[in-house]
Amino acid sequence: MDYQGNPNALKLYAFLEKWTRSHPSWAYGSSGWLMTLKTVETVTAELLNDVEFNEISLVGVFKSPDGQLIATVVGWVLPLPASLEFQLLVDAITAAANAKQRNQRGIAAGLTLIAVAALFAMLSSD
């Protein structure tokens, strides 16, 4: 599928272009003389700590088959889909999108409980 016209894909692309340039060592950490590939959890945390990333709506991402939107957009930024960096970024964005979705559901559930409690309090005070 072509995601060139998808607003979420374009926002994610613009973010990743900027983010990968401003974080040149996003995929690797150094341990003395050795460069090691960061874990998915580490990159996910870095993404979730970025305000601009959190402003991107990734709701439609899970409607694409097998998260194809994420893989497609990462391919626009990192053109080697067989590379470790490519898979790391796809996995980290997918994990971050899942975490955002869980958090949004948790917030919605919390607000619902507060509304029900307030309604119950109002009804029982009469």
PDB file of N, CA and C in Angstrom:
ATOM      1  N   MET A   1       0.839  -1.183   0.000  1.00  0.00           N
ATOM      2  CA  MET A   1       0.000   0.000   0.000  1.00  0.00           C
ATOM      3  C   MET A   1       0.884   1.248   0.000  1.00  0.00           C
ATOM      4  N   ASP A   2       0.434   2.277  -0.675  1.00  0.00           N
ATOM      5  CA  ASP A   2       1.165   3.531  -0.758  1.00  0.00           C
ATOM      6  C   ASP A   2       0.653   4.476   0.334  1.00  0.00           C
ATOM      7  N   TYR A   3       1.536   4.889   1.220  1.00  0.00           N
ATOM      8  CA  TYR A   3       1.149   5.765   2.322  1.00  0.00           C
ATOM      9  C   TYR A   3       1.555   7.213   2.088  1.00  0.00           C
ATOM     10  N   GLN A   4       1.910   7.552   0.852  1.00  0.00           N
ATOM     11  CA  GLN A   4       2.374   8.903   0.536  1.00  0.00           C
ATOM     12  C   GLN A   4       1.369   9.985   0.919  1.00  0.00           C
ATOM     13  N   GLY A   5       0.087   9.693   0.842  1.00  0.00           N
ATOM     14  CA  GLY A   5      -0.933  10.690   1.165  1.00  0.00           C
ATOM     15  C   GLY A   5      -1.487  10.575   2.574  1.00  0.00           C
ATOM     16  N   ASN A   6      -1.007   9.632   3.343  1.00  0.00           N
ATOM     17  CA  ASN A   6      -1.511   9.409   4.694  1.00  0.00           C
ATOM     18  C   ASN A   6      -0.905  10.454   5.647  1.00  0.00           C
ATOM     19  N   PRO A   7      -1.745  11.270   6.294  1.00  0.00           N
ATOM     20  CA  PRO A   7      -1.206  12.326   7.163  1.00  0.00           C
ATOM     21  C   PRO A   7      -0.388  11.790   8.334  1.00  0.00           C
ATOM     22  N   ASN A   8      -0.795  10.645   8.905  1.00  0.00           N
ATOM     23  CA  ASN A   8      -0.019  10.072  10.006  1.00  0.00           C
ATOM     24  C   ASN A   8       1.351   9.609   9.522  1.00  0.00           C
ATOM     25  N   ALA A   9       1.387   9.000   8.346  1.00  0.00           N
ATOM     26  CA  ALA A   9       2.662   8.541   7.783  1.00  0.00           C
ATOM     27  C   ALA A   9       3.580   9.722   7.509  1.00  0.00           C
ATOM     28  N   LEU A  10       3.012  10.797   6.975  1.00  0.00           N
ATOM     29  CA  LEU A  10       3.830  11.978   6.667  1.00  0.00           C
ATOM     30  C   LEU A  10       4.355  12.647   7.927  1.00  0.00           C
ATOM     31  N   LYS A  11       3.531  12.694   8.980  1.00  0.00           N
ATOM     32  CA  LYS A  11       3.990  13.267  10.258  1.00  0.00           C
ATOM     33  C   LYS A  11       5.082  12.399  10.869  1.00  0.00           C
ATOM     34  N   LEU A  12       4.890  11.086  10.817  1.00  0.00           N
ATOM     35  CA  LEU A  12       5.899  10.179  11.363  1.00  0.00           C
ATOM     36  C   LEU A  12       7.204  10.307  10.580  1.00  0.00           C
ATOM     37  N   TYR A  13       7.100  10.401   9.265  1.00  0.00           N
ATOM     38  CA  TYR A  13       8.288  10.566   8.423  1.00  0.00           C
ATOM     39  C   TYR A  13       9.041  11.855   8.770  1.00  0.00           C
ATOM     40  N   ALA A  14       8.311  12.968   8.866  1.00  0.00           N
ATOM     41  CA  ALA A  14       8.947  14.250   9.190  1.00  0.00           C
ATOM     42  C   ALA A  14       9.645  14.166  10.550  1.00  0.00           C
ATOM     43  N   PHE A  15       8.968  13.537  11.511  1.00  0.00           N
ATOM     44  CA  PHE A  15       9.578  13.376  12.829  1.00  0.00           C
ATOM     45  C   PHE A  15      10.846  12.531  12.751  1.00  0.00           C
ATOM     46  N   LEU A  16      10.762  11.365  12.092  1.00  0.00           N
ATOM     47  CA  LEU A  16      11.918  10.456  12.034  1.00  0.00           C
ATOM     48  C   LEU A  16      13.102  11.061  11.290  1.00  0.00           C
ATOM     49  N   GLU A  17      12.833  11.800  10.242  1.00  0.00           N
ATOM     50  CA  GLU A  17      13.911  12.482   9.515  1.00  0.00           C
ATOM     51  C   GLU A  17      14.674  13.403  10.459  1.00  0.00           C
ATOM     52  N   LYS A  18      13.929  14.206  11.182  1.00  0.00           N
ATOM     53  CA  LYS A  18      14.527  15.173  12.109  1.00  0.00           C
ATOM     54  C   LYS A  18      15.188  14.454  13.289  1.00  0.00           C
ATOM     55  N   TRP A  19      14.484  13.471  13.844  1.00  0.00           N
ATOM     56  CA  TRP A  19      14.964  12.786  15.047  1.00  0.00           C
ATOM     57  C   TRP A  19      16.243  12.004  14.780  1.00  0.00           C
ATOM     58  N   THR A  20      16.305  11.270  13.676  1.00  0.00           N
ATOM     59  CA  THR A  20      17.509  10.480  13.388  1.00  0.00           C
ATOM     60  C   THR A  20      18.710  11.384  13.100  1.00  0.00           C
ATOM     61  N   ARG A  21      18.456  12.557  12.487  1.00  0.00           N
ATOM     62  CA  ARG A  21      19.560  13.500  12.247  1.00  0.00           C
ATOM     63  C   ARG A  21      20.028  14.147  13.546  1.00  0.00           C
ATOM     64  N   SER A  22      19.094  14.477  14.449  1.00  0.00           N
ATOM     65  CA  SER A  22      19.470  15.134  15.706  1.00  0.00           C
ATOM     66  C   SER A  22      19.951  14.141  16.768  1.00  0.00           C
ATOM     67  N   HIS A  23      19.755  12.858  16.521  1.00  0.00           N
ATOM     68  CA  HIS A  23      20.226  11.798  17.421  1.00  0.00           C
ATOM     69  C   HIS A  23      21.073  10.806  16.599  1.00  0.00           C
ATOM     70  N   PRO A  24      22.256  11.211  16.168  1.00  0.00           N
ATOM     71  CA  PRO A  24      23.032  10.354  15.263  1.00  0.00           C
ATOM     72  C   PRO A  24      23.399   8.990  15.847  1.00  0.00           C
ATOM     73  N   SER A  25      23.411   8.884  17.165  1.00  0.00           N
ATOM     74  CA  SER A  25      23.740   7.586  17.775  1.00  0.00           C
ATOM     75  C   SER A  25      22.495   6.924  18.354  1.00  0.00           C
ATOM     76  N   TRP A  26      21.335   7.174  17.723  1.00  0.00           N
ATOM     77  CA  TRP A  26      20.074   6.640  18.247  1.00  0.00           C
ATOM     78  C   TRP A  26      20.076   5.116  18.324  1.00  0.00           C
ATOM     79  N   ALA A  27      20.795   4.446  17.438  1.00  0.00           N
ATOM     80  CA  ALA A  27      20.764   2.981  17.380  1.00  0.00           C
ATOM     81  C   ALA A  27      21.886   2.321  18.174  1.00  0.00           C
ATOM     82  N   TYR A  28      22.916   3.081  18.481  1.00  0.00           N
ATOM     83  CA  TYR A  28      24.089   2.473  19.113  1.00  0.00           C
ATOM     84  C   TYR A  28      24.466   3.175  20.398  1.00  0.00           C
ATOM     85  N   GLY A  29      24.920   2.374  21.343  1.00  0.00           N
ATOM     86  CA  GLY A  29      25.489   2.880  22.571  1.00  0.00           C
ATOM     87  C   GLY A  29      26.935   2.443  22.615  1.00  0.00           C
ATOM     88  N   SER A  30      27.723   3.155  23.370  1.00  0.00           N
ATOM     89  CA  SER A  30      29.130   2.747  23.437  1.00  0.00           C
ATOM     90  C   SER A  30      29.417   2.158  24.806  1.00  0.00           C
ATOM     91  N   SER A  31      30.198   1.133  24.762  1.00  0.00           N
ATOM     92  CA  SER A  31      30.645   0.468  25.977  1.00  0.00           C
ATOM     93  C   SER A  31      32.164   0.372  25.863  1.00  0.00           C
ATOM     94  N   GLY A  32      32.814   1.412  26.333  1.00  0.00           N
ATOM     95  CA  GLY A  32      34.263   1.461  26.149  1.00  0.00           C
ATOM     96  C   GLY A  32      34.579   1.678  24.682  1.00  0.00           C
ATOM     97  N   TRP A  33      35.324   0.774  24.112  1.00  0.00           N
ATOM     98  CA  TRP A  33      35.697   0.858  22.704  1.00  0.00           C
ATOM     99  C   TRP A  33      34.638   0.254  21.787  1.00  0.00           C
ATOM    100  N   LEU A  34      33.731  -0.504  22.353  1.00  0.00           N
ATOM    101  CA  LEU A  34      32.740  -1.206  21.542  1.00  0.00           C
ATOM    102  C   LEU A  34      31.472  -0.396  21.343  1.00  0.00           C
ATOM    103  N   MET A  35      30.948  -0.467  20.149  1.00  0.00           N
ATOM    104  CA  MET A  35      29.637   0.111  19.860  1.00  0.00           C
ATOM    105  C   MET A  35      28.643  -1.049  19.861  1.00  0.00           C
ATOM    106  N   THR A  36      27.586  -0.929  20.654  1.00  0.00           N
ATOM    107  CA  THR A  36      26.596  -1.995  20.718  1.00  0.00           C
ATOM    108  C   THR A  36      25.235  -1.454  20.299  1.00  0.00           C
ATOM    109  N   LEU A  37      24.458  -2.297  19.658  1.00  0.00           N
ATOM    110  CA  LEU A  37      23.116  -1.924  19.247  1.00  0.00           C
ATOM    111  C   LEU A  37      22.251  -1.761  20.495  1.00  0.00           C
ATOM    112  N   LYS A  38      21.517  -0.657  20.566  1.00  0.00           N
ATOM    113  CA  LYS A  38      20.637  -0.435  21.706  1.00  0.00           C
ATOM    114  C   LYS A  38      19.486  -1.440  21.664  1.00  0.00           C
ATOM    115  N   THR A  39      18.831  -1.605  22.781  1.00  0.00           N
ATOM    116  CA  THR A  39      17.683  -2.508  22.849  1.00  0.00           C
ATOM    117  C   THR A  39      16.434  -1.781  22.356  1.00  0.00           C
ATOM    118  N   VAL A  40      15.440  -2.552  21.992  1.00  0.00           N
ATOM    119  CA  VAL A  40      14.155  -1.978  21.582  1.00  0.00           C
ATOM    120  C   VAL A  40      13.584  -1.137  22.724  1.00  0.00           C
ATOM    121  N   GLU A  41      13.709  -1.626  23.948  1.00  0.00           N
ATOM    122  CA  GLU A  41      13.175  -0.922  25.106  1.00  0.00           C
ATOM    123  C   GLU A  41      13.830   0.446  25.275  1.00  0.00           C
ATOM    124  N   THR A  42      15.135   0.525  25.051  1.00  0.00           N
ATOM    125  CA  THR A  42      15.854   1.790  25.191  1.00  0.00           C
ATOM    126  C   THR A  42      15.394   2.798  24.146  1.00  0.00           C
ATOM    127  N   VAL A  43      15.304   2.374  22.899  1.00  0.00           N
ATOM    128  CA  VAL A  43      14.883   3.277  21.825  1.00  0.00           C
ATOM    129  C   VAL A  43      13.413   3.658  22.014  1.00  0.00           C
ATOM    130  N   THR A  44      12.596   2.709  22.454  1.00  0.00           N
ATOM    131  CA  THR A  44      11.185   3.000  22.727  1.00  0.00           C
ATOM    132  C   THR A  44      11.070   4.091  23.785  1.00  0.00           C
ATOM    133  N   ALA A  45      11.835   3.965  24.860  1.00  0.00           N
ATOM    134  CA  ALA A  45      11.814   4.967  25.932  1.00  0.00           C
ATOM    135  C   ALA A  45      12.254   6.330  25.410  1.00  0.00           C
ATOM    136  N   GLU A  46      13.273   6.358  24.553  1.00  0.00           N
ATOM    137  CA  GLU A  46      13.731   7.622  23.985  1.00  0.00           C
ATOM    138  C   GLU A  46      12.634   8.257  23.129  1.00  0.00           C
ATOM    139  N   LEU A  47      11.941   7.443  22.356  1.00  0.00           N
ATOM    140  CA  LEU A  47      10.839   7.965  21.538  1.00  0.00           C
ATOM    141  C   LEU A  47       9.713   8.509  22.413  1.00  0.00           C
ATOM    142  N   LEU A  48       9.338   7.751  23.419  1.00  0.00           N
ATOM    143  CA  LEU A  48       8.237   8.167  24.285  1.00  0.00           C
ATOM    144  C   LEU A  48       8.580   9.409  25.100  1.00  0.00           C
ATOM    145  N   ASN A  49       9.860   9.664  25.325  1.00  0.00           N
ATOM    146  CA  ASN A  49      10.284  10.865  26.049  1.00  0.00           C
ATOM    147  C   ASN A  49      10.343  12.091  25.150  1.00  0.00           C
ATOM    148  N   ASP A  50      10.146  11.906  23.860  1.00  0.00           N
ATOM    149  CA  ASP A  50      10.199  13.015  22.916  1.00  0.00           C
ATOM    150  C   ASP A  50       8.809  13.622  22.742  1.00  0.00           C
ATOM    151  N   VAL A  51       8.686  14.901  23.036  1.00  0.00           N
ATOM    152  CA  VAL A  51       7.391  15.586  22.971  1.00  0.00           C
ATOM    153  C   VAL A  51       6.806  15.526  21.566  1.00  0.00           C
ATOM    154  N   GLU A  52       7.633  15.741  20.556  1.00  0.00           N
ATOM    155  CA  GLU A  52       7.130  15.735  19.175  1.00  0.00           C
ATOM    156  C   GLU A  52       6.587  14.361  18.789  1.00  0.00           C
ATOM    157  N   PHE A  53       7.249  13.297  19.230  1.00  0.00           N
ATOM    158  CA  PHE A  53       6.757  11.953  18.919  1.00  0.00           C
ATOM    159  C   PHE A  53       5.384  11.741  19.542  1.00  0.00           C
ATOM    160  N   ASN A  54       5.202  12.210  20.751  1.00  0.00           N
ATOM    161  CA  ASN A  54       3.929  12.024  21.441  1.00  0.00           C
ATOM    162  C   ASN A  54       2.800  12.831  20.829  1.00  0.00           C
ATOM    163  N   GLU A  55       3.117  13.806  19.989  1.00  0.00           N
ATOM    164  CA  GLU A  55       2.088  14.588  19.323  1.00  0.00           C
ATOM    165  C   GLU A  55       1.588  13.910  18.049  1.00  0.00           C
ATOM    166  N   ILE A  56       2.276  12.863  17.604  1.00  0.00           N
ATOM    167  CA  ILE A  56       1.885  12.147  16.381  1.00  0.00           C
ATOM    168  C   ILE A  56       0.810  11.127  16.740  1.00  0.00           C
ATOM    169  N   SER A  57      -0.283  11.168  16.018  1.00  0.00           N
ATOM    170  CA  SER A  57      -1.343  10.195  16.233  1.00  0.00           C
ATOM    171  C   SER A  57      -0.985   8.913  15.486  1.00  0.00           C
ATOM    172  N   LEU A  58      -0.848   7.842  16.214  1.00  0.00           N
ATOM    173  CA  LEU A  58      -0.505   6.556  15.603  1.00  0.00           C
ATOM    174  C   LEU A  58      -1.669   5.575  15.666  1.00  0.00           C
ATOM    175  N   VAL A  59      -2.868   6.092  15.867  1.00  0.00           N
ATOM    176  CA  VAL A  59      -4.042   5.228  15.966  1.00  0.00           C
ATOM    177  C   VAL A  59      -4.237   4.409  14.701  1.00  0.00           C
ATOM    178  N   GLY A  60      -4.104   5.005  13.540  1.00  0.00           N
ATOM    179  CA  GLY A  60      -4.322   4.308  12.282  1.00  0.00           C
ATOM    180  C   GLY A  60      -3.258   3.294  11.938  1.00  0.00           C
ATOM    181  N   VAL A  61      -2.149   3.317  12.670  1.00  0.00           N
ATOM    182  CA  VAL A  61      -1.039   2.417  12.400  1.00  0.00           C
ATOM    183  C   VAL A  61      -1.463   0.961  12.512  1.00  0.00           C
ATOM    184  N   PHE A  62      -2.284   0.659  13.476  1.00  0.00           N
ATOM    185  CA  PHE A  62      -2.650  -0.729  13.708  1.00  0.00           C
ATOM    186  C   PHE A  62      -3.730  -1.216  12.755  1.00  0.00           C
ATOM    187  N   LYS A  63      -4.297  -0.305  11.987  1.00  0.00           N
ATOM    188  CA  LYS A  63      -5.254  -0.704  10.967  1.00  0.00           C
ATOM    189  C   LYS A  63      -4.535  -1.175   9.711  1.00  0.00           C
ATOM    190  N   SER A  64      -3.262  -0.780   9.573  1.00  0.00           N
ATOM    191  CA  SER A  64      -2.500  -1.229   8.405  1.00  0.00           C
ATOM    192  C   SER A  64      -2.065  -2.673   8.646  1.00  0.00           C
ATOM    193  N   PRO A  65      -2.037  -3.489   7.603  1.00  0.00           N
ATOM    194  CA  PRO A  65      -1.681  -4.903   7.794  1.00  0.00           C
ATOM    195  C   PRO A  65      -0.282  -5.064   8.363  1.00  0.00           C
ATOM    196  N   ASP A  66      -0.200  -5.784   9.467  1.00  0.00           N
ATOM    197  CA  ASP A  66       1.079  -6.088  10.121  1.00  0.00           C
ATOM    198  C   ASP A  66       1.917  -4.851  10.404  1.00  0.00           C
ATOM    199  N   GLY A  67       1.278  -3.731  10.700  1.00  0.00           N
ATOM    200  CA  GLY A  67       2.032  -2.519  10.983  1.00  0.00           C
ATOM    201  C   GLY A  67       2.824  -2.032   9.782  1.00  0.00           C
ATOM    202  N   GLN A  68       2.312  -2.294   8.592  1.00  0.00           N
ATOM    203  CA  GLN A  68       3.028  -1.955   7.365  1.00  0.00           C
ATOM    204  C   GLN A  68       3.312  -0.465   7.253  1.00  0.00           C
ATOM    205  N   LEU A  69       2.447   0.361   7.813  1.00  0.00           N
ATOM    206  CA  LEU A  69       2.675   1.799   7.757  1.00  0.00           C
ATOM    207  C   LEU A  69       4.008   2.152   8.410  1.00  0.00           C
ATOM    208  N   ILE A  70       4.275   1.596   9.576  1.00  0.00           N
ATOM    209  CA  ILE A  70       5.530   1.886  10.271  1.00  0.00           C
ATOM    210  C   ILE A  70       6.721   1.424   9.450  1.00  0.00           C
ATOM    211  N   ALA A  71       6.673   0.200   8.951  1.00  0.00           N
ATOM    212  CA  ALA A  71       7.788  -0.323   8.157  1.00  0.00           C
ATOM    213  C   ALA A  71       8.003   0.505   6.891  1.00  0.00           C
ATOM    214  N   THR A  72       6.920   0.936   6.275  1.00  0.00           N
ATOM    215  CA  THR A  72       7.031   1.749   5.065  1.00  0.00           C
ATOM    216  C   THR A  72       7.703   3.079   5.367  1.00  0.00           C
ATOM    217  N   VAL A  73       7.242   3.743   6.426  1.00  0.00           N
ATOM    218  CA  VAL A  73       7.808   5.051   6.780  1.00  0.00           C
ATOM    219  C   VAL A  73       9.260   4.924   7.200  1.00  0.00           C
ATOM    220  N   VAL A  74       9.582   3.907   7.973  1.00  0.00           N
ATOM    221  CA  VAL A  74      10.984   3.698   8.363  1.00  0.00           C
ATOM    222  C   VAL A  74      11.828   3.451   7.117  1.00  0.00           C
ATOM    223  N   GLY A  75      11.264   2.766   6.122  1.00  0.00           N
ATOM    224  CA  GLY A  75      11.966   2.545   4.861  1.00  0.00           C
ATOM    225  C   GLY A  75      12.243   3.828   4.101  1.00  0.00           C
ATOM    226  N   TRP A  76      11.396   4.839   4.288  1.00  0.00           N
ATOM    227  CA  TRP A  76      11.656   6.140   3.667  1.00  0.00           C
ATOM    228  C   TRP A  76      12.866   6.811   4.309  1.00  0.00           C
ATOM    229  N   VAL A  77      13.069   6.520   5.601  1.00  0.00           N
ATOM    230  CA  VAL A  77      14.168   7.157   6.345  1.00  0.00           C
ATOM    231  C   VAL A  77      15.429   6.308   6.303  1.00  0.00           C
ATOM    232  N   LEU A  78      15.277   5.002   6.513  1.00  0.00           N
ATOM    233  CA  LEU A  78      16.404   4.062   6.512  1.00  0.00           C
ATOM    234  C   LEU A  78      16.184   3.074   5.373  1.00  0.00           C
ATOM    235  N   PRO A  79      16.816   3.279   4.243  1.00  0.00           N
ATOM    236  CA  PRO A  79      16.480   2.503   3.045  1.00  0.00           C
ATOM    237  C   PRO A  79      16.966   1.053   3.008  1.00  0.00           C
ATOM    238  N   LEU A  80      17.546   0.536   4.072  1.00  0.00           N
ATOM    239  CA  LEU A  80      18.012  -0.853   4.051  1.00  0.00           C
ATOM    240  C   LEU A  80      17.161  -1.707   4.989  1.00  0.00           C
ATOM    241  N   PRO A  81      16.060  -2.275   4.486  1.00  0.00           N
ATOM    242  CA  PRO A  81      15.151  -3.025   5.365  1.00  0.00           C
ATOM    243  C   PRO A  81      15.760  -4.282   5.980  1.00  0.00           C
ATOM    244  N   ALA A  82      16.862  -4.745   5.469  1.00  0.00           N
ATOM    245  CA  ALA A  82      17.488  -5.936   6.047  1.00  0.00           C
ATOM    246  C   ALA A  82      18.450  -5.579   7.184  1.00  0.00           C
ATOM    247  N   SER A  83      18.635  -4.291   7.445  1.00  0.00           N
ATOM    248  CA  SER A  83      19.618  -3.886   8.455  1.00  0.00           C
ATOM    249  C   SER A  83      19.063  -4.037   9.873  1.00  0.00           C
ATOM    250  N   LEU A  84      19.948  -4.178  10.818  1.00  0.00           N
ATOM    251  CA  LEU A  84      19.553  -4.275  12.223  1.00  0.00           C
ATOM    252  C   LEU A  84      18.921  -2.967  12.698  1.00  0.00           C
ATOM    253  N   GLU A  85      19.439  -1.852  12.211  1.00  0.00           N
ATOM    254  CA  GLU A  85      18.903  -0.550  12.603  1.00  0.00           C
ATOM    255  C   GLU A  85      17.456  -0.394  12.164  1.00  0.00           C
ATOM    256  N   PHE A  86      17.162  -0.843  10.930  1.00  0.00           N
ATOM    257  CA  PHE A  86      15.806  -0.759  10.387  1.00  0.00           C
ATOM    258  C   PHE A  86      14.836  -1.511  11.298  1.00  0.00           C
ATOM    259  N   GLN A  87      15.146  -2.758  11.616  1.00  0.00           N
ATOM    260  CA  GLN A  87      14.250  -3.568  12.443  1.00  0.00           C
ATOM    261  C   GLN A  87      14.142  -3.001  13.851  1.00  0.00           C
ATOM    262  N   LEU A  88      15.246  -2.478  14.376  1.00  0.00           N
ATOM    263  CA  LEU A  88      15.227  -1.863  15.704  1.00  0.00           C
ATOM    264  C   LEU A  88      14.249  -0.692  15.734  1.00  0.00           C
ATOM    265  N   LEU A  89      14.307   0.174  14.723  1.00  0.00           N
ATOM    266  CA  LEU A  89      13.434   1.336  14.702  1.00  0.00           C
ATOM    267  C   LEU A  89      11.972   0.938  14.489  1.00  0.00           C
ATOM    268  N   VAL A  90      11.711  -0.026  13.620  1.00  0.00           N
ATOM    269  CA  VAL A  90      10.337  -0.512  13.411  1.00  0.00           C
ATOM    270  C   VAL A  90       9.790  -1.076  14.718  1.00  0.00           C
ATOM    271  N   ASP A  91      10.565  -1.900  15.392  1.00  0.00           N
ATOM    272  CA  ASP A  91      10.109  -2.517  16.645  1.00  0.00           C
ATOM    273  C   ASP A  91       9.901  -1.470  17.739  1.00  0.00           C
ATOM    274  N   ALA A  92      10.796  -0.484  17.816  1.00  0.00           N
ATOM    275  CA  ALA A  92      10.681   0.550  18.849  1.00  0.00           C
ATOM    276  C   ALA A  92       9.456   1.431  18.618  1.00  0.00           C
ATOM    277  N   ILE A  93       9.208   1.810  17.369  1.00  0.00           N
ATOM    278  CA  ILE A  93       8.028   2.637  17.077  1.00  0.00           C
ATOM    279  C   ILE A  93       6.751   1.849  17.354  1.00  0.00           C
ATOM    280  N   THR A  94       6.738   0.583  16.983  1.00  0.00           N
ATOM    281  CA  THR A  94       5.568  -0.264  17.251  1.00  0.00           C
ATOM    282  C   THR A  94       5.321  -0.377  18.754  1.00  0.00           C
ATOM    283  N   ALA A  95       6.376  -0.599  19.525  1.00  0.00           N
ATOM    284  CA  ALA A  95       6.236  -0.706  20.981  1.00  0.00           C
ATOM    285  C   ALA A  95       5.778   0.626  21.576  1.00  0.00           C
ATOM    286  N   ALA A  96       6.310   1.733  21.069  1.00  0.00           N
ATOM    287  CA  ALA A  96       5.912   3.046  21.569  1.00  0.00           C
ATOM    288  C   ALA A  96       4.451   3.329  21.231  1.00  0.00           C
ATOM    289  N   ALA A  97       4.027   2.965  20.028  1.00  0.00           N
ATOM    290  CA  ALA A  97       2.634   3.161  19.630  1.00  0.00           C
ATOM    291  C   ALA A  97       1.707   2.329  20.521  1.00  0.00           C
ATOM    292  N   ASN A  98       2.099   1.099  20.808  1.00  0.00           N
ATOM    293  CA  ASN A  98       1.309   0.250  21.715  1.00  0.00           C
ATOM    294  C   ASN A  98       1.227   0.867  23.098  1.00  0.00           C
ATOM    295  N   ALA A  99       2.349   1.378  23.600  1.00  0.00           N
ATOM    296  CA  ALA A  99       2.377   1.985  24.932  1.00  0.00           C
ATOM    297  C   ALA A  99       1.490   3.227  24.975  1.00  0.00           C
ATOM    298  N   LYS A 100       1.548   4.039  23.920  1.00  0.00           N
ATOM    299  CA  LYS A 100       0.687   5.227  23.867  1.00  0.00           C
ATOM    300  C   LYS A 100      -0.773   4.825  23.858  1.00  0.00           C
ATOM    301  N   GLN A 101      -1.118   3.784  23.093  1.00  0.00           N
ATOM    302  CA  GLN A 101      -2.497   3.336  23.008  1.00  0.00           C
ATOM    303  C   GLN A 101      -2.984   2.810  24.358  1.00  0.00           C
ATOM    304  N   ARG A 102      -2.146   2.026  25.047  1.00  0.00           N
ATOM    305  CA  ARG A 102      -2.516   1.521  26.384  1.00  0.00           C
ATOM    306  C   ARG A 102      -2.711   2.680  27.355  1.00  0.00           C
ATOM    307  N   ASN A 103      -1.818   3.666  27.291  1.00  0.00           N
ATOM    308  CA  ASN A 103      -1.906   4.820  28.177  1.00  0.00           C
ATOM    309  C   ASN A 103      -3.184   5.614  27.913  1.00  0.00           C
ATOM    310  N   GLN A 104      -3.528   5.795  26.644  1.00  0.00           N
ATOM    311  CA  GLN A 104      -4.741   6.532  26.306  1.00  0.00           C
ATOM    312  C   GLN A 104      -5.981   5.791  26.788  1.00  0.00           C
ATOM    313  N   ARG A 105      -5.967   4.460  26.669  1.00  0.00           N
ATOM    314  CA  ARG A 105      -7.104   3.672  27.176  1.00  0.00           C
ATOM    315  C   ARG A 105      -7.189   3.788  28.687  1.00  0.00           C
ATOM    316  N   GLY A 106      -6.032   3.775  29.358  1.00  0.00           N
ATOM    317  CA  GLY A 106      -6.004   3.896  30.818  1.00  0.00           C
ATOM    318  C   GLY A 106      -6.529   5.246  31.277  1.00  0.00           C
ATOM    319  N   ILE A 107      -6.155   6.294  30.572  1.00  0.00           N
ATOM    320  CA  ILE A 107      -6.633   7.631  30.908  1.00  0.00           C
ATOM    321  C   ILE A 107      -8.147   7.707  30.698  1.00  0.00           C
ATOM    322  N   ALA A 108      -8.625   7.169  29.585  1.00  0.00           N
ATOM    323  CA  ALA A 108     -10.064   7.187  29.305  1.00  0.00           C
ATOM    324  C   ALA A 108     -10.828   6.410  30.373  1.00  0.00           C
ATOM    325  N   ALA A 109     -10.295   5.263  30.767  1.00  0.00           N
ATOM    326  CA  ALA A 109     -10.959   4.466  31.814  1.00  0.00           C
ATOM    327  C   ALA A 109     -10.962   5.218  33.137  1.00  0.00           C
ATOM    328  N   GLY A 110      -9.870   5.866  33.456  1.00  0.00           N
ATOM    329  CA  GLY A 110      -9.787   6.648  34.694  1.00  0.00           C
ATOM    330  C   GLY A 110     -10.777   7.798  34.704  1.00  0.00           C
ATOM    331  N   LEU A 111     -10.884   8.505  33.587  1.00  0.00           N
ATOM    332  CA  LEU A 111     -11.839   9.612  33.490  1.00  0.00           C
ATOM    333  C   LEU A 111     -13.278   9.117  33.600  1.00  0.00           C
ATOM    334  N   THR A 112     -13.547   7.954  33.029  1.00  0.00           N
ATOM    335  CA  THR A 112     -14.884   7.368  33.128  1.00  0.00           C
ATOM    336  C   THR A 112     -15.210   7.049  34.577  1.00  0.00           C
ATOM    337  N   LEU A 113     -14.269   6.463  35.297  1.00  0.00           N
ATOM    338  CA  LEU A 113     -14.491   6.146  36.711  1.00  0.00           C
ATOM    339  C   LEU A 113     -14.731   7.405  37.535  1.00  0.00           C
ATOM    340  N   ILE A 114     -13.977   8.453  37.246  1.00  0.00           N
ATOM    341  CA  ILE A 114     -14.155   9.714  37.969  1.00  0.00           C
ATOM    342  C   ILE A 114     -15.541  10.287  37.687  1.00  0.00           C
ATOM    343  N   ALA A 115     -15.968  10.240  36.426  1.00  0.00           N
ATOM    344  CA  ALA A 115     -17.292  10.760  36.065  1.00  0.00           C
ATOM    345  C   ALA A 115     -18.391   9.963  36.754  1.00  0.00           C
ATOM    346  N   VAL A 116     -18.251   8.644  36.790  1.00  0.00           N
ATOM    347  CA  VAL A 116     -19.252   7.794  37.445  1.00  0.00           C
ATOM    348  C   VAL A 116     -19.284   8.084  38.940  1.00  0.00           C
ATOM    349  N   ALA A 117     -18.118   8.231  39.556  1.00  0.00           N
ATOM    350  CA  ALA A 117     -18.065   8.528  40.988  1.00  0.00           C
ATOM    351  C   ALA A 117     -18.691   9.887  41.284  1.00  0.00           C
ATOM    352  N   ALA A 118     -18.418  10.884  40.428  1.00  0.00           N
ATOM    353  CA  ALA A 118     -19.000  12.209  40.634  1.00  0.00           C
ATOM    354  C   ALA A 118     -20.521  12.169  40.480  1.00  0.00           C
ATOM    355  N   LEU A 119     -20.990  11.421  39.486  1.00  0.00           N
ATOM    356  CA  LEU A 119     -22.432  11.291  39.274  1.00  0.00           C
ATOM    357  C   LEU A 119     -23.074  10.591  40.472  1.00  0.00           C
ATOM    358  N   PHE A 120     -22.443   9.535  40.959  1.00  0.00           N
ATOM    359  CA  PHE A 120     -22.955   8.801  42.108  1.00  0.00           C
ATOM    360  C   PHE A 120     -23.002   9.717  43.342  1.00  0.00           C
ATOM    361  N   ALA A 121     -21.959  10.504  43.522  1.00  0.00           N
ATOM    362  CA  ALA A 121     -21.911  11.431  44.654  1.00  0.00           C
ATOM    363  C   ALA A 121     -23.015  12.477  44.573  1.00  0.00           C
ATOM    364  N   MET A 122     -23.240  12.968  43.357  1.00  0.00           N
ATOM    365  CA  MET A 122     -24.311  13.965  43.170  1.00  0.00           C
ATOM    366  C   MET A 122     -25.691  13.354  43.451  1.00  0.00           C
ATOM    367  N   LEU A 123     -25.923  12.136  42.971  1.00  0.00           N
ATOM    368  CA  LEU A 123     -27.207  11.485  43.160  1.00  0.00           C
ATOM    369  C   LEU A 123     -27.445  11.113  44.609  1.00  0.00           C
ATOM    370  N   SER A 124     -26.410  10.703  45.308  1.00  0.00           N
ATOM    371  CA  SER A 124     -26.588  10.266  46.687  1.00  0.00           C
ATOM    372  C   SER A 124     -26.641  11.428  47.656  1.00  0.00           C
ATOM    373  N   SER A 125     -26.235  12.626  47.241  1.00  0.00           N
ATOM    374  CA  SER A 125     -26.304  13.784  48.135  1.00  0.00           C
ATOM    375  C   SER A 125     -27.701  14.399  48.189  1.00  0.00           C
ATOM    376  N   ASP A 126     -28.583  13.974  47.305  1.00  0.00           N
ATOM    377  CA  ASP A 126     -29.954  14.517  47.300  1.00  0.00           C
ATOM    378  C   ASP A 126     -30.811  13.901  48.337  1.00  0.00           C
TER     379      ASP A 126
END
